[in-house]
Each structure stands twice: as structure tokens, then as C-alpha cells.
PDB file of N, CA and C in Angstrom:
ATOM      1  N   MET A   1       1.203  -1.274   0.075  1.00  0.00           N
ATOM      2  CA  MET A   1      -0.207   0.040  -0.135  1.00  0.00           C
ATOM      3  C   MET A   1       0.596   1.030  -0.097  1.00  0.00           C
ATOM      4  N   LYS A   2       0.942   1.985  -0.886  1.00  0.00           N
ATOM      5  CA  LYS A   2       1.251   3.646  -1.049  1.00  0.00           C
ATOM      6  C   LYS A   2       0.834   4.390   0.250  1.00  0.00           C
ATOM      7  N   PRO A   3       2.128   5.021   0.919  1.00  0.00           N
ATOM      8  CA  PRO A   3       1.713   6.137   1.636  1.00  0.00           C
ATOM      9  C   PRO A   3       1.096   7.155   1.522  1.00  0.00           C
ATOM     10  N   ILE A   4       0.307   7.523   1.871  1.00  0.00           N
ATOM     11  CA  ILE A   4      -0.707   9.051   1.881  1.00  0.00           C
ATOM     12  C   ILE A   4       0.495  10.261   2.675  1.00  0.00           C
ATOM     13  N   ARG A   5       0.992  10.983   1.081  1.00  0.00           N
ATOM     14  CA  ARG A   5       1.581  12.230   1.954  1.00  0.00           C
ATOM     15  C   ARG A   5       0.607  13.367   1.892  1.00  0.00           C
ATOM     16  N   ASP A   6       1.189  14.135   2.710  1.00  0.00           N
ATOM     17  CA  ASP A   6       0.323  15.391   2.777  1.00  0.00           C
ATOM     18  C   ASP A   6       0.523  16.590   1.480  1.00  0.00           C
ATOM     19  N   ILE A   7      -0.093  17.375   1.169  1.00  0.00           N
ATOM     20  CA  ILE A   7       0.477  18.049  -0.209  1.00  0.00           C
ATOM     21  C   ILE A   7       1.481  19.793   0.448  1.00  0.00           C
ATOM     22  N   PHE A   8       0.908  19.712   1.932  1.00  0.00           N
ATOM     23  CA  PHE A   8       1.513  20.650   2.180  1.00  0.00           C
ATOM     24  C   PHE A   8       2.733  20.383   2.317  1.00  0.00           C
ATOM     25  N   GLN A   9       3.088  19.373   2.951  1.00  0.00           N
ATOM     26  CA  GLN A   9       4.596  19.009   2.841  1.00  0.00           C
ATOM     27  C   GLN A   9       5.182  19.074   1.748  1.00  0.00           C
ATOM     28  N   ALA A  10       4.457  18.634   0.521  1.00  0.00           N
ATOM     29  CA  ALA A  10       4.995  18.406  -0.850  1.00  0.00           C
ATOM     30  C   ALA A  10       5.797  20.019  -1.394  1.00  0.00           C
ATOM     31  N   ILE A  11       4.755  20.907  -1.158  1.00  0.00           N
ATOM     32  CA  ILE A  11       5.322  22.134  -1.349  1.00  0.00           C
ATOM     33  C   ILE A  11       5.901  23.023  -0.271  1.00  0.00           C
ATOM     34  N   ALA A  12       6.348  22.135   0.639  1.00  0.00           N
ATOM     35  CA  ALA A  12       7.276  22.798   1.872  1.00  0.00           C
ATOM     36  C   ALA A  12       8.746  23.113   1.151  1.00  0.00           C
ATOM     37  N   ASP A  13       8.918  22.291   0.426  1.00  0.00           N
ATOM     38  CA  ASP A  13      10.393  21.817   0.168  1.00  0.00           C
ATOM     39  C   ASP A  13      10.923  22.953  -1.116  1.00  0.00           C
ATOM     40  N   PRO A  14      11.713  23.254  -1.562  1.00  0.00           N
ATOM     41  CA  PRO A  14      12.141  24.567  -2.570  1.00  0.00           C
ATOM     42  C   PRO A  14      12.714  23.241  -3.800  1.00  0.00           C
ATOM     43  N   THR A  15      13.187  22.350  -3.197  1.00  0.00           N
ATOM     44  CA  THR A  15      13.403  21.531  -5.128  1.00  0.00           C
ATOM     45  C   THR A  15      11.941  20.711  -5.522  1.00  0.00           C
ATOM     46  N   ARG A  16      10.909  20.262  -4.646  1.00  0.00           N
ATOM     47  CA  ARG A  16       9.829  19.777  -4.805  1.00  0.00           C
ATOM     48  C   ARG A  16       9.135  21.129  -5.810  1.00  0.00           C
ATOM     49  N   ARG A  17       9.173  22.047  -4.906  1.00  0.00           N
ATOM     50  CA  ARG A  17       8.525  23.301  -5.937  1.00  0.00           C
ATOM     51  C   ARG A  17       9.057  23.345  -7.144  1.00  0.00           C
ATOM     52  N   GLN A  18      10.100  23.573  -7.440  1.00  0.00           N
ATOM     53  CA  GLN A  18      11.025  23.911  -8.416  1.00  0.00           C
ATOM     54  C   GLN A  18      10.331  22.562  -9.499  1.00  0.00           C
ATOM     55  N   ILE A  19      10.572  21.376  -9.246  1.00  0.00           N
ATOM     56  CA  ILE A  19       9.921  20.230 -10.122  1.00  0.00           C
ATOM     57  C   ILE A  19       8.872  20.592 -10.525  1.00  0.00           C
ATOM     58  N   ILE A  20       7.941  20.355  -9.503  1.00  0.00           N
ATOM     59  CA  ILE A  20       6.399  21.289  -9.937  1.00  0.00           C
ATOM     60  C   ILE A  20       6.495  21.921 -11.154  1.00  0.00           C
ATOM     61  N   ASP A  21       7.615  23.321 -10.927  1.00  0.00           N
ATOM     62  CA  ASP A  21       7.372  24.244 -11.469  1.00  0.00           C
ATOM     63  C   ASP A  21       7.887  23.612 -13.018  1.00  0.00           C
ATOM     64  N   MET A  22       8.490  22.912 -13.195  1.00  0.00           N
ATOM     65  CA  MET A  22       9.315  22.057 -14.310  1.00  0.00           C
ATOM     66  C   MET A  22       8.191  21.421 -15.049  1.00  0.00           C
ATOM     67  N   LEU A  23       7.465  20.839 -14.436  1.00  0.00           N
ATOM     68  CA  LEU A  23       6.602  19.844 -14.890  1.00  0.00           C
ATOM     69  C   LEU A  23       5.255  20.475 -15.371  1.00  0.00           C
ATOM     70  N   ALA A  24       4.726  21.486 -15.042  1.00  0.00           N
ATOM     71  CA  ALA A  24       3.632  22.033 -14.674  1.00  0.00           C
ATOM     72  C   ALA A  24       3.739  22.557 -16.509  1.00  0.00           C
ATOM     73  N   ARG A  25       5.120  23.125 -17.093  1.00  0.00           N
ATOM     74  CA  ARG A  25       5.498  23.465 -18.306  1.00  0.00           C
ATOM     75  C   ARG A  25       5.493  22.533 -19.086  1.00  0.00           C
ATOM     76  N   GLU A  26       5.549  21.302 -18.916  1.00  0.00           N
ATOM     77  CA  GLU A  26       6.474  20.004 -19.617  1.00  0.00           C
ATOM     78  C   GLU A  26       6.287  18.685 -19.124  1.00  0.00           C
ATOM     79  N   SER A  27       5.681  17.565 -19.921  1.00  0.00           N
ATOM     80  CA  SER A  27       6.198  16.388 -19.196  1.00  0.00           C
ATOM     81  C   SER A  27       7.612  15.998 -19.485  1.00  0.00           C
ATOM     82  N   LEU A  28       8.048  15.826 -18.429  1.00  0.00           N
ATOM     83  CA  LEU A  28       9.952  15.254 -18.544  1.00  0.00           C
ATOM     84  C   LEU A  28      10.474  14.008 -18.504  1.00  0.00           C
ATOM     85  N   ASN A  29      11.038  13.202 -18.700  1.00  0.00           N
ATOM     86  CA  ASN A  29      11.845  12.145 -17.837  1.00  0.00           C
ATOM     87  C   ASN A  29      12.913  12.012 -16.627  1.00  0.00           C
ATOM     88  N   VAL A  30      12.948  11.368 -16.274  1.00  0.00           N
ATOM     89  CA  VAL A  30      13.723  11.713 -14.673  1.00  0.00           C
ATOM     90  C   VAL A  30      15.150  12.034 -15.007  1.00  0.00           C
ATOM     91  N   ASN A  31      15.790  11.439 -16.065  1.00  0.00           N
ATOM     92  CA  ASN A  31      17.027  12.107 -16.254  1.00  0.00           C
ATOM     93  C   ASN A  31      16.871  13.583 -16.843  1.00  0.00           C
ATOM     94  N   ALA A  32      15.932  14.446 -17.565  1.00  0.00           N
ATOM     95  CA  ALA A  32      15.865  15.688 -18.059  1.00  0.00           C
ATOM     96  C   ALA A  32      15.949  16.446 -16.620  1.00  0.00           C
ATOM     97  N   ILE A  33      15.095  15.796 -15.655  1.00  0.00           N
ATOM     98  CA  ILE A  33      14.565  16.757 -14.430  1.00  0.00           C
ATOM     99  C   ILE A  33      16.168  16.520 -13.608  1.00  0.00           C
ATOM    100  N   ALA A  34      16.868  15.535 -13.535  1.00  0.00           N
ATOM    101  CA  ALA A  34      17.860  15.478 -12.187  1.00  0.00           C
ATOM    102  C   ALA A  34      18.951  16.131 -13.020  1.00  0.00           C
ATOM    103  N   LYS A  35      19.190  16.349 -13.798  1.00  0.00           N
ATOM    104  CA  LYS A  35      20.254  17.368 -14.897  1.00  0.00           C
ATOM    105  C   LYS A  35      20.368  19.235 -14.313  1.00  0.00           C
ATOM    106  N   GLU A  36      18.604  19.300 -13.836  1.00  0.00           N
ATOM    107  CA  GLU A  36      18.432  20.552 -13.388  1.00  0.00           C
ATOM    108  C   GLU A  36      19.209  20.941 -11.970  1.00  0.00           C
ATOM    109  N   PHE A  37      19.315  19.877 -11.519  1.00  0.00           N
ATOM    110  CA  PHE A  37      19.948  19.927  -9.732  1.00  0.00           C
ATOM    111  C   PHE A  37      21.338  19.570  -9.741  1.00  0.00           C
ATOM    112  N   ASN A  38      21.870  20.377  -8.454  1.00  0.00           N
ATOM    113  CA  ASN A  38      22.948  20.014  -7.638  1.00  0.00           C
ATOM    114  C   ASN A  38      22.922  18.994  -6.917  1.00  0.00           C
ATOM    115  N   ILE A  39      21.967  17.871  -6.816  1.00  0.00           N
ATOM    116  CA  ILE A  39      21.944  16.544  -5.750  1.00  0.00           C
ATOM    117  C   ILE A  39      22.370  15.242  -6.361  1.00  0.00           C
ATOM    118  N   THR A  40      22.184  14.525  -5.861  1.00  0.00           N
ATOM    119  CA  THR A  40      22.081  13.160  -6.738  1.00  0.00           C
ATOM    120  C   THR A  40      20.917  13.034  -7.611  1.00  0.00           C
ATOM    121  N   ARG A  41      21.011  11.829  -8.445  1.00  0.00           N
ATOM    122  CA  ARG A  41      19.731  11.544  -8.904  1.00  0.00           C
ATOM    123  C   ARG A  41      18.975  10.905  -7.997  1.00  0.00           C
ATOM    124  N   GLN A  42      19.065  10.119  -7.242  1.00  0.00           N
ATOM    125  CA  GLN A  42      18.607   9.312  -6.164  1.00  0.00           C
ATOM    126  C   GLN A  42      18.072  10.407  -5.569  1.00  0.00           C
ATOM    127  N   ALA A  43      18.423  11.580  -5.572  1.00  0.00           N
ATOM    128  CA  ALA A  43      17.368  12.326  -4.078  1.00  0.00           C
ATOM    129  C   ALA A  43      16.700  13.166  -5.338  1.00  0.00           C
ATOM    130  N   VAL A  44      16.522  12.681  -6.524  1.00  0.00           N
ATOM    131  CA  VAL A  44      15.513  13.834  -7.132  1.00  0.00           C
ATOM    132  C   VAL A  44      14.533  12.585  -7.520  1.00  0.00           C
ATOM    133  N   SER A  45      15.003  11.451  -7.065  1.00  0.00           N
ATOM    134  CA  SER A  45      14.162  10.197  -7.493  1.00  0.00           C
ATOM    135  C   SER A  45      12.999  10.487  -6.123  1.00  0.00           C
ATOM    136  N   LEU A  46      13.739  10.465  -4.855  1.00  0.00           N
ATOM    137  CA  LEU A  46      12.836  10.553  -3.684  1.00  0.00           C
ATOM    138  C   LEU A  46      11.929  12.007  -3.825  1.00  0.00           C
ATOM    139  N   HIS A  47      12.683  12.916  -4.357  1.00  0.00           N
ATOM    140  CA  HIS A  47      11.718  14.215  -4.527  1.00  0.00           C
ATOM    141  C   HIS A  47      10.398  13.563  -5.259  1.00  0.00           C
ATOM    142  N   LEU A  48      10.679  13.152  -6.596  1.00  0.00           N
ATOM    143  CA  LEU A  48      10.117  12.440  -7.252  1.00  0.00           C
ATOM    144  C   LEU A  48       8.862  11.594  -6.868  1.00  0.00           C
ATOM    145  N   GLN A  49       9.105  10.319  -6.037  1.00  0.00           N
ATOM    146  CA  GLN A  49       7.970   9.631  -5.404  1.00  0.00           C
ATOM    147  C   GLN A  49       7.509  10.227  -4.403  1.00  0.00           C
ATOM    148  N   PHE A  50       7.949  11.354  -3.333  1.00  0.00           N
ATOM    149  CA  PHE A  50       7.147  12.046  -2.802  1.00  0.00           C
ATOM    150  C   PHE A  50       6.075  12.945  -3.415  1.00  0.00           C
ATOM    151  N   LEU A  51       6.321  13.545  -4.748  1.00  0.00           N
ATOM    152  CA  LEU A  51       5.368  14.195  -5.206  1.00  0.00           C
ATOM    153  C   LEU A  51       4.306  12.869  -5.596  1.00  0.00           C
ATOM    154  N   ASN A  52       4.651  12.215  -6.595  1.00  0.00           N
ATOM    155  CA  ASN A  52       3.760  10.963  -6.729  1.00  0.00           C
ATOM    156  C   ASN A  52       2.795  10.392  -6.023  1.00  0.00           C
ATOM    157  N   GLU A  53       3.480  10.584  -4.608  1.00  0.00           N
ATOM    158  CA  GLU A  53       2.640   9.524  -3.407  1.00  0.00           C
ATOM    159  C   GLU A  53       1.385  10.976  -2.935  1.00  0.00           C
ATOM    160  N   CYS A  54       1.944  11.877  -3.188  1.00  0.00           N
ATOM    161  CA  CYS A  54       1.183  13.179  -3.007  1.00  0.00           C
ATOM    162  C   CYS A  54      -0.238  13.422  -3.952  1.00  0.00           C
ATOM    163  N   GLY A  55      -0.107  12.652  -5.244  1.00  0.00           N
ATOM    164  CA  GLY A  55      -0.582  13.057  -6.483  1.00  0.00           C
ATOM    165  C   GLY A  55      -0.468  14.549  -6.972  1.00  0.00           C
ATOM    166  N   LEU A  56       0.483  14.682  -7.123  1.00  0.00           N
ATOM    167  CA  LEU A  56       1.120  15.842  -7.482  1.00  0.00           C
ATOM    168  C   LEU A  56       1.872  15.961  -8.889  1.00  0.00           C
ATOM    169  N   ILE A  57       2.203  14.555  -9.060  1.00  0.00           N
ATOM    170  CA  ILE A  57       2.643  14.154 -10.376  1.00  0.00           C
ATOM    171  C   ILE A  57       2.323  12.748 -10.301  1.00  0.00           C
ATOM    172  N   VAL A  58       2.121  12.177 -12.092  1.00  0.00           N
ATOM    173  CA  VAL A  58       2.239  10.769 -12.109  1.00  0.00           C
ATOM    174  C   VAL A  58       3.153  10.641 -13.336  1.00  0.00           C
ATOM    175  N   ILE A  59       3.872   9.294 -12.733  1.00  0.00           N
ATOM    176  CA  ILE A  59       5.201   8.222 -13.478  1.00  0.00           C
ATOM    177  C   ILE A  59       4.689   7.596 -14.380  1.00  0.00           C
ATOM    178  N   LYS A  60       4.665   7.631 -15.627  1.00  0.00           N
ATOM    179  CA  LYS A  60       4.329   6.991 -16.809  1.00  0.00           C
ATOM    180  C   LYS A  60       5.684   6.096 -17.334  1.00  0.00           C
ATOM    181  N   GLN A  61       5.649   4.951 -17.406  1.00  0.00           N
ATOM    182  CA  GLN A  61       6.937   3.929 -17.950  1.00  0.00           C
ATOM    183  C   GLN A  61       6.637   4.130 -19.724  1.00  0.00           C
ATOM    184  N   GLN A  62       7.585   4.546 -20.189  1.00  0.00           N
ATOM    185  CA  GLN A  62       7.150   4.485 -21.839  1.00  0.00           C
ATOM    186  C   GLN A  62       8.398   3.632 -22.352  1.00  0.00           C
ATOM    187  N   GLY A  63       8.644   2.910 -22.302  1.00  0.00           N
ATOM    188  CA  GLY A  63      10.185   2.150 -23.048  1.00  0.00           C
ATOM    189  C   GLY A  63      10.443   1.738 -21.821  1.00  0.00           C
ATOM    190  N   ARG A  64      12.192   2.331 -21.846  1.00  0.00           N
ATOM    191  CA  ARG A  64      13.139   2.346 -20.911  1.00  0.00           C
ATOM    192  C   ARG A  64      13.034   3.804 -19.828  1.00  0.00           C
ATOM    193  N   GLU A  65      12.274   4.507 -20.287  1.00  0.00           N
ATOM    194  CA  GLU A  65      12.152   5.575 -19.915  1.00  0.00           C
ATOM    195  C   GLU A  65      10.944   6.210 -19.177  1.00  0.00           C
ATOM    196  N   ARG A  66      10.865   6.944 -18.283  1.00  0.00           N
ATOM    197  CA  ARG A  66      10.281   7.017 -16.693  1.00  0.00           C
ATOM    198  C   ARG A  66       9.800   8.710 -16.574  1.00  0.00           C
ATOM    199  N   TYR A  67       8.285   8.880 -17.054  1.00  0.00           N
ATOM    200  CA  TYR A  67       8.476  10.289 -17.487  1.00  0.00           C
ATOM    201  C   TYR A  67       7.272  10.382 -16.480  1.00  0.00           C
ATOM    202  N   CYS A  68       7.704  12.212 -16.444  1.00  0.00           N
ATOM    203  CA  CYS A  68       6.479  12.130 -15.345  1.00  0.00           C
ATOM    204  C   CYS A  68       5.801  13.635 -15.609  1.00  0.00           C
ATOM    205  N   GLU A  69       4.178  13.418 -15.178  1.00  0.00           N
ATOM    206  CA  GLU A  69       3.578  14.902 -15.413  1.00  0.00           C
ATOM    207  C   GLU A  69       2.838  15.463 -14.532  1.00  0.00           C
ATOM    208  N   ALA A  70       2.730  16.424 -14.657  1.00  0.00           N
ATOM    209  CA  ALA A  70       2.000  17.313 -13.719  1.00  0.00           C
ATOM    210  C   ALA A  70       0.647  17.004 -12.963  1.00  0.00           C
ATOM    211  N   ARG A  71      -0.292  17.068 -12.018  1.00  0.00           N
ATOM    212  CA  ARG A  71      -1.679  17.316 -11.993  1.00  0.00           C
ATOM    213  C   ARG A  71      -1.379  17.831 -10.837  1.00  0.00           C
ATOM    214  N   LEU A  72      -1.815  19.238 -11.313  1.00  0.00           N
ATOM    215  CA  LEU A  72      -1.884  20.408 -10.560  1.00  0.00           C
ATOM    216  C   LEU A  72      -3.317  20.410 -10.015  1.00  0.00           C
ATOM    217  N   GLU A  73      -4.205  19.900 -10.134  1.00  0.00           N
ATOM    218  CA  GLU A  73      -5.609  19.786  -9.668  1.00  0.00           C
ATOM    219  C   GLU A  73      -5.360  19.898  -8.011  1.00  0.00           C
ATOM    220  N   LYS A  74      -4.564  19.121  -7.640  1.00  0.00           N
ATOM    221  CA  LYS A  74      -4.105  18.960  -6.544  1.00  0.00           C
ATOM    222  C   LYS A  74      -3.615  19.872  -5.492  1.00  0.00           C
ATOM    223  N   LEU A  75      -3.076  20.824  -5.968  1.00  0.00           N
ATOM    224  CA  LEU A  75      -3.240  22.695  -5.480  1.00  0.00           C
ATOM    225  C   LEU A  75      -4.507  22.858  -5.266  1.00  0.00           C
ATOM    226  N   ASN A  76      -5.567  22.610  -5.686  1.00  0.00           N
ATOM    227  CA  ASN A  76      -6.681  22.866  -5.291  1.00  0.00           C
ATOM    228  C   ASN A  76      -6.952  23.208  -3.607  1.00  0.00           C
ATOM    229  N   GLU A  77      -6.249  21.977  -3.282  1.00  0.00           N
ATOM    230  CA  GLU A  77      -6.635  21.666  -1.715  1.00  0.00           C
ATOM    231  C   GLU A  77      -5.784  23.335  -0.796  1.00  0.00           C
ATOM    232  N   VAL A  78      -4.465  23.081  -1.209  1.00  0.00           N
ATOM    233  CA  VAL A  78      -3.817  24.407  -0.976  1.00  0.00           C
ATOM    234  C   VAL A  78      -4.688  26.001  -1.202  1.00  0.00           C
ATOM    235  N   THR A  79      -5.035  25.949  -2.471  1.00  0.00           N
ATOM    236  CA  THR A  79      -5.810  27.367  -2.995  1.00  0.00           C
ATOM    237  C   THR A  79      -6.684  27.336  -1.836  1.00  0.00           C
ATOM    238  N   ALA A  80      -7.630  26.373  -1.720  1.00  0.00           N
ATOM    239  CA  ALA A  80      -9.042  26.650  -0.361  1.00  0.00           C
ATOM    240  C   ALA A  80      -8.444  27.295   0.803  1.00  0.00           C
ATOM    241  N   TRP A  81      -7.201  26.235   1.354  1.00  0.00           N
ATOM    242  CA  TRP A  81      -7.145  26.665   2.734  1.00  0.00           C
ATOM    243  C   TRP A  81      -6.352  28.093   2.724  1.00  0.00           C
ATOM    244  N   VAL A  82      -5.481  28.324   1.780  1.00  0.00           N
ATOM    245  CA  VAL A  82      -5.022  29.759   1.808  1.00  0.00           C
ATOM    246  C   VAL A  82      -6.583  31.488   1.157  1.00  0.00           C
ATOM    247  N   ASP A  83      -7.097  30.634   0.950  1.00  0.00           N
ATOM    248  CA  ASP A  83      -8.264  31.366   0.532  1.00  0.00           C
ATOM    249  C   ASP A  83      -9.190  31.829   1.806  1.00  0.00           C
ATOM    250  N   GLN A  84      -9.277  30.859   2.757  1.00  0.00           N
ATOM    251  CA  GLN A  84     -10.022  31.449   3.870  1.00  0.00           C
ATOM    252  C   GLN A  84      -9.470  32.403   5.014  1.00  0.00           C
ATOM    253  N   TYR A  85      -7.629  31.901   5.078  1.00  0.00           N
ATOM    254  CA  TYR A  85      -7.263  32.970   5.499  1.00  0.00           C
ATOM    255  C   TYR A  85      -6.890  34.416   5.113  1.00  0.00           C
ATOM    256  N   ARG A  86      -7.210  34.578   3.097  1.00  0.00           N
ATOM    257  CA  ARG A  86      -7.356  35.306   2.439  1.00  0.00           C
ATOM    258  C   ARG A  86      -8.760  36.242   2.607  1.00  0.00           C
ATOM    259  N   LYS A  87      -9.832  35.475   3.141  1.00  0.00           N
ATOM    260  CA  LYS A  87     -11.274  36.720   3.527  1.00  0.00           C
ATOM    261  C   LYS A  87     -11.119  36.715   4.782  1.00  0.00           C
ATOM    262  N   TYR A  88     -10.293  36.260   5.890  1.00  0.00           N
ATOM    263  CA  TYR A  88     -10.586  36.476   6.967  1.00  0.00           C
ATOM    264  C   TYR A  88      -9.324  38.381   7.135  1.00  0.00           C
ATOM    265  N   TRP A  89      -8.310  37.678   6.217  1.00  0.00           N
ATOM    266  CA  TRP A  89      -7.625  39.547   5.993  1.00  0.00           C
ATOM    267  C   TRP A  89      -8.072  40.210   5.723  1.00  0.00           C
ATOM    268  N   ASP A  90      -8.948  40.136   4.197  1.00  0.00           N
ATOM    269  CA  ASP A  90      -9.723  41.185   3.589  1.00  0.00           C
ATOM    270  C   ASP A  90     -11.064  41.481   4.418  1.00  0.00           C
ATOM    271  N   LYS A  91     -11.545  41.240   5.168  1.00  0.00           N
ATOM    272  CA  LYS A  91     -12.164  41.948   6.321  1.00  0.00           C
ATOM    273  C   LYS A  91     -11.652  42.689   7.022  1.00  0.00           C
ATOM    274  N   LYS A  92     -10.731  41.929   7.497  1.00  0.00           N
ATOM    275  CA  LYS A  92      -9.738  42.918   8.854  1.00  0.00           C
ATOM    276  C   LYS A  92      -9.353  44.005   8.189  1.00  0.00           C
ATOM    277  N   PHE A  93      -9.000  44.247   6.999  1.00  0.00           N
ATOM    278  CA  PHE A  93      -7.898  45.199   6.214  1.00  0.00           C
ATOM    279  C   PHE A  93      -9.786  46.535   5.654  1.00  0.00           C
ATOM    280  N   ASP A  94     -10.777  45.684   5.537  1.00  0.00           N
ATOM    281  CA  ASP A  94     -11.705  46.642   5.156  1.00  0.00           C
ATOM    282  C   ASP A  94     -12.067  47.409   6.188  1.00  0.00           C
ATOM    283  N   SER A  95     -12.418  46.668   7.618  1.00  0.00           N
ATOM    284  CA  SER A  95     -12.834  47.090   8.756  1.00  0.00           C
ATOM    285  C   SER A  95     -11.946  48.770   8.852  1.00  0.00           C
ATOM    286  N   LEU A  96     -10.473  47.704   8.713  1.00  0.00           N
ATOM    287  CA  LEU A  96      -9.423  49.297   9.471  1.00  0.00           C
ATOM    288  C   LEU A  96      -9.386  50.093   8.125  1.00  0.00           C
ATOM    289  N   GLU A  97     -10.162  50.080   7.260  1.00  0.00           N
ATOM    290  CA  GLU A  97     -10.023  51.127   6.053  1.00  0.00           C
ATOM    291  C   GLU A  97     -11.428  52.160   6.143  1.00  0.00           C
ATOM    292  N   ASP A  98     -12.269  51.012   6.868  1.00  0.00           N
ATOM    293  CA  ASP A  98     -13.572  51.947   7.540  1.00  0.00           C
ATOM    294  C   ASP A  98     -13.334  52.968   8.873  1.00  0.00           C
ATOM    295  N   TYR A  99     -12.422  52.585   9.582  1.00  0.00           N
ATOM    296  CA  TYR A  99     -11.865  53.481  10.535  1.00  0.00           C
ATOM    297  C   TYR A  99     -11.138  54.602  10.303  1.00  0.00           C
ATOM    298  N   LEU A 100     -10.248  54.276   9.485  1.00  0.00           N
ATOM    299  CA  LEU A 100      -9.283  55.411   9.085  1.00  0.00           C
ATOM    300  C   LEU A 100     -10.253  56.453   8.384  1.00  0.00           C
ATOM    301  N   ALA A 101     -11.033  56.018   7.603  1.00  0.00           N
ATOM    302  CA  ALA A 101     -11.797  56.844   7.014  1.00  0.00           C
ATOM    303  C   ALA A 101     -13.091  57.817   7.710  1.00  0.00           C
ATOM    304  N   LYS A 102     -13.571  57.008   8.613  1.00  0.00           N
ATOM    305  CA  LYS A 102     -13.962  57.362  10.102  1.00  0.00           C
ATOM    306  C   LYS A 102     -13.094  58.552  10.796  1.00  0.00           C
ATOM    307  N   ILE A 103     -11.933  58.409  11.049  1.00  0.00           N
ATOM    308  CA  ILE A 103     -11.097  59.509  11.445  1.00  0.00           C
ATOM    309  C   ILE A 103     -10.931  60.528  10.509  1.00  0.00           C
ATOM    310  N   GLN A 104     -10.463  60.419   9.325  1.00  0.00           N
ATOM    311  CA  GLN A 104     -10.455  61.591   8.468  1.00  0.00           C
ATOM    312  C   GLN A 104     -11.653  62.417   8.484  1.00  0.00           C
ATOM    313  N   LYS A 105     -12.970  61.740   8.775  1.00  0.00           N
ATOM    314  CA  LYS A 105     -14.182  62.763   8.397  1.00  0.00           C
ATOM    315  C   LYS A 105     -14.258  63.645   9.801  1.00  0.00           C
ATOM    316  N   LYS A 106     -13.822  62.928  10.905  1.00  0.00           N
ATOM    317  CA  LYS A 106     -13.622  63.820  12.003  1.00  0.00           C
ATOM    318  C   LYS A 106     -12.499  64.999  12.306  1.00  0.00           C
ATOM    319  N   LYS A 107     -11.794  64.550  11.475  1.00  0.00           N
ATOM    320  CA  LYS A 107     -10.535  65.975  11.530  1.00  0.00           C
ATOM    321  C   LYS A 107     -10.898  66.815  10.288  1.00  0.00           C
ATOM    322  N   LYS A 108     -11.909  66.324   9.665  1.00  0.00           N
ATOM    323  CA  LYS A 108     -12.557  67.374   9.013  1.00  0.00           C
ATOM    324  C   LYS A 108     -13.298  68.392   9.022  1.00  0.00           C
TER     325      LYS A 108
END
């Protein structure tokens, strides 16, 4: 059974974010991805495995090559989480704006 990974753990790592960014543009084989990093191919493979277990990428075997494709719809979970805080802070800033406008009126 494949472990379930947390999407937030996946995007917390800068290497994994860079891999996601690369794959968002095009499907790449593992070697092409590994060439972009100053880490071992094994380390890149572990990052790819993590992203695969999160559902952010899918790895497909094509002949002797393994190709990776982004599955960015999984990022909707992150967007939903961030949006709840964006709404909270929008309300706070609106209240502050109203308060500052009220103070300005009193000064006039």
C-alpha cells in the first residue's frame, strides 16, 4: 500500500516546488529533471516519489524511460486553505479602512 503524503509537505520543499514548476510546463523524463539540480539522481528520485505519493505528479513508464507529468488540480486543496485566510484578512483590512475613513471625517 502506497503511503499518503501531505500536499503541504510537498510544497514546503524548494526542490519539489521547482520540480512542480518544471512539470507544469511540460512532461519530462527523470534524467531531464535530475540534470537541473545539483543533487544526486537518487535524491531527485526520492522527491519525485514524494510528489507522486501526494498525487501532484504521475510517473509513466515509456519504454526504458520514466516520464513525469504534473497533476496540478491537487493544489486546489492548498488554494482552498489559503483562501479562508485571505477572506479573514480582507475583512480585517476593510474594517481598518472604514475606521481610518471615519477618523479622517472627524478631522475635517
